[in-house]
Amino acid sequence: QVQLVESGGGLVQAGGSLRLSCAASGRSFSTYTMAWFRRAPGNERQFVAAINWSDSKTYNAGSVKGRFTISRDNAKNTVDLQMNSLKPEDTAVYYCAANSNGRDLYITSNHYNYWGQGTQVTVST
């Protein structure tokens, strides 16, 4: 069982940066694939980035490539999302997710077993 709690959201101007953090509880966190998703008002949940356990391989959605970086610290049971060069279209609720298969990187939400409650990110013009 894994419980996830996100933090770090807020209001930022376009071009600015935010760092989201997801704190996980549960003994098996270090062996899970972790990901960030987001949902903007009126839209479906969208994949942002994922990182696996086996070799810390990462994968980013095309819309955030070069701007967002996912990382994890298994000793602290955290996974972070560094977001740079933010755009108004990045405005959404951001969710942390976990999958017990630590090797593969999944981009669809139905592959993830555990979810946090979300944190709001708002990017103003």
Protein backbone atom coordinates (compact mmCIF):
# COMPACT_ATOMS: atom_id res chain seq x y z
CA GLN A 1 0.00 0.00 0.00
CA VAL A 2 1.32 3.44 -0.96
CA GLN A 3 -0.07 6.80 0.07
CA LEU A 4 0.89 9.91 -1.90
CA VAL A 5 0.77 13.57 -0.87
CA GLU A 6 1.65 16.36 -3.30
CA SER A 7 2.93 19.82 -2.40
CA GLY A 8 4.54 22.82 -4.03
CA GLY A 9 1.76 24.10 -6.23
CA GLY A 10 0.85 27.76 -6.46
CA LEU A 11 0.54 30.83 -8.66
CA VAL A 12 3.42 31.84 -10.91
CA GLN A 13 3.89 34.18 -13.85
CA ALA A 14 4.55 32.82 -17.31
CA GLY A 15 8.23 32.04 -17.73
CA GLY A 16 8.63 31.26 -14.05
CA SER A 17 9.42 28.02 -12.24
CA LEU A 18 7.83 25.78 -9.65
CA ARG A 19 8.95 22.57 -8.02
CA LEU A 20 6.32 20.02 -7.08
CA SER A 21 7.06 17.30 -4.58
CA CYS A 22 5.26 14.05 -3.85
CA ALA A 23 5.85 12.37 -0.51
CA ALA A 24 5.13 8.67 -0.44
CA SER A 25 4.51 6.39 2.48
CA GLY A 26 4.84 2.65 2.22
CA ARG A 27 7.75 0.28 2.37
CA SER A 28 7.72 -0.54 -1.33
CA PHE A 29 7.95 3.01 -2.69
CA SER A 30 11.50 2.59 -3.93
CA THR A 31 10.45 -0.23 -6.26
CA TYR A 32 7.53 1.61 -7.87
CA THR A 33 7.30 3.46 -11.14
CA MET A 34 6.25 7.04 -10.33
CA ALA A 35 4.56 9.60 -12.55
CA TRP A 36 2.98 13.02 -12.72
CA PHE A 37 -0.29 13.71 -14.47
CA ARG A 38 -2.32 16.88 -14.76
CA ARG A 39 -5.90 17.87 -15.39
CA ALA A 40 -6.93 21.27 -16.67
CA PRO A 41 -10.54 22.44 -16.29
CA GLY A 42 -12.78 20.71 -18.79
CA ASN A 43 -10.02 18.36 -19.96
CA GLU A 44 -9.12 14.77 -19.32
CA ARG A 45 -6.22 13.78 -17.12
CA GLN A 46 -2.98 14.12 -19.12
CA PHE A 47 0.35 12.37 -18.70
CA VAL A 48 3.27 14.66 -17.84
CA ALA A 49 6.30 12.57 -16.86
CA ALA A 50 7.32 9.22 -15.39
CA ILE A 51 10.38 7.66 -13.77
CA ASN A 52 11.00 4.00 -13.12
CA TRP A 53 12.79 2.28 -10.30
CA SER A 54 15.01 -0.26 -12.03
CA ASP A 55 17.32 2.24 -13.74
CA SER A 56 15.74 5.68 -13.06
CA LYS A 57 14.76 5.97 -16.69
CA THR A 58 12.46 8.90 -17.40
CA TYR A 59 9.94 9.82 -20.03
CA ASN A 60 8.29 13.20 -20.58
CA ALA A 61 5.27 14.21 -22.59
CA GLY A 62 6.15 16.18 -25.68
CA SER A 63 4.39 19.28 -24.38
CA VAL A 64 6.79 19.55 -21.43
CA LYS A 65 9.99 18.12 -22.89
CA GLY A 66 12.94 20.40 -22.25
CA ARG A 67 11.02 22.34 -19.58
CA PHE A 68 10.02 19.79 -16.91
CA THR A 69 12.27 17.30 -15.14
CA ILE A 70 11.12 14.39 -12.98
CA SER A 71 13.41 12.97 -10.32
CA ARG A 72 13.17 10.71 -7.31
CA ASP A 73 14.94 10.24 -3.99
CA ASN A 74 14.27 6.75 -2.72
CA ALA A 75 16.00 7.46 0.59
CA LYS A 76 13.50 10.28 1.27
CA ASN A 77 10.54 8.57 -0.42
CA THR A 78 9.93 11.56 -2.66
CA VAL A 79 9.46 12.23 -6.34
CA ASP A 80 9.77 15.78 -7.63
CA LEU A 81 8.74 17.63 -10.77
CA GLN A 82 10.86 20.66 -11.59
CA MET A 83 8.89 22.90 -13.91
CA ASN A 84 10.68 25.68 -15.76
CA SER A 85 9.58 28.14 -18.45
CA LEU A 86 6.00 27.72 -17.37
CA LYS A 87 3.21 28.66 -19.77
CA PRO A 88 -0.43 29.53 -19.11
CA GLU A 89 -1.40 26.23 -20.74
CA ASP A 90 0.44 24.41 -17.95
CA THR A 91 -2.30 25.55 -15.57
CA ALA A 92 -3.89 22.44 -14.07
CA VAL A 93 -4.20 20.28 -11.00
CA TYR A 94 -1.11 18.10 -10.86
CA TYR A 95 -1.32 14.56 -9.53
CA CYS A 96 1.34 12.15 -8.37
CA ALA A 97 0.79 8.48 -9.25
CA ALA A 98 2.46 5.15 -8.50
CA ASN A 99 2.59 1.78 -10.23
CA SER A 100 4.00 -1.32 -8.55
CA ASN A 101 5.80 -2.38 -11.74
CA GLY A 102 9.09 -0.59 -11.18
CA ARG A 103 10.57 -1.41 -14.57
CA ASP A 104 8.17 -0.04 -17.16
CA LEU A 105 7.14 3.56 -17.89
CA TYR A 106 3.42 3.97 -18.47
CA ILE A 107 1.75 7.04 -19.95
CA THR A 108 -1.88 6.07 -19.41
CA SER A 109 -3.58 6.71 -16.11
CA ASN A 110 -5.24 3.30 -15.90
CA HIS A 111 -1.82 1.69 -15.32
CA TYR A 112 -1.35 3.49 -12.01
CA ASN A 113 -2.62 1.95 -8.81
CA TYR A 114 -2.18 4.86 -6.40
CA TRP A 115 -2.92 8.57 -6.65
CA GLY A 116 -2.41 11.66 -4.59
CA GLN A 117 -5.06 14.30 -3.98
CA GLY A 118 -3.52 16.80 -6.38
CA THR A 119 -1.97 20.26 -6.13
CA GLN A 120 -3.06 23.31 -8.12
CA VAL A 121 -0.63 25.06 -10.45
CA THR A 122 -1.76 28.34 -11.98
CA VAL A 123 0.36 30.19 -14.54
CA SER A 124 -0.65 33.77 -15.24
CA THR A 125 0.12 35.79 -18.35
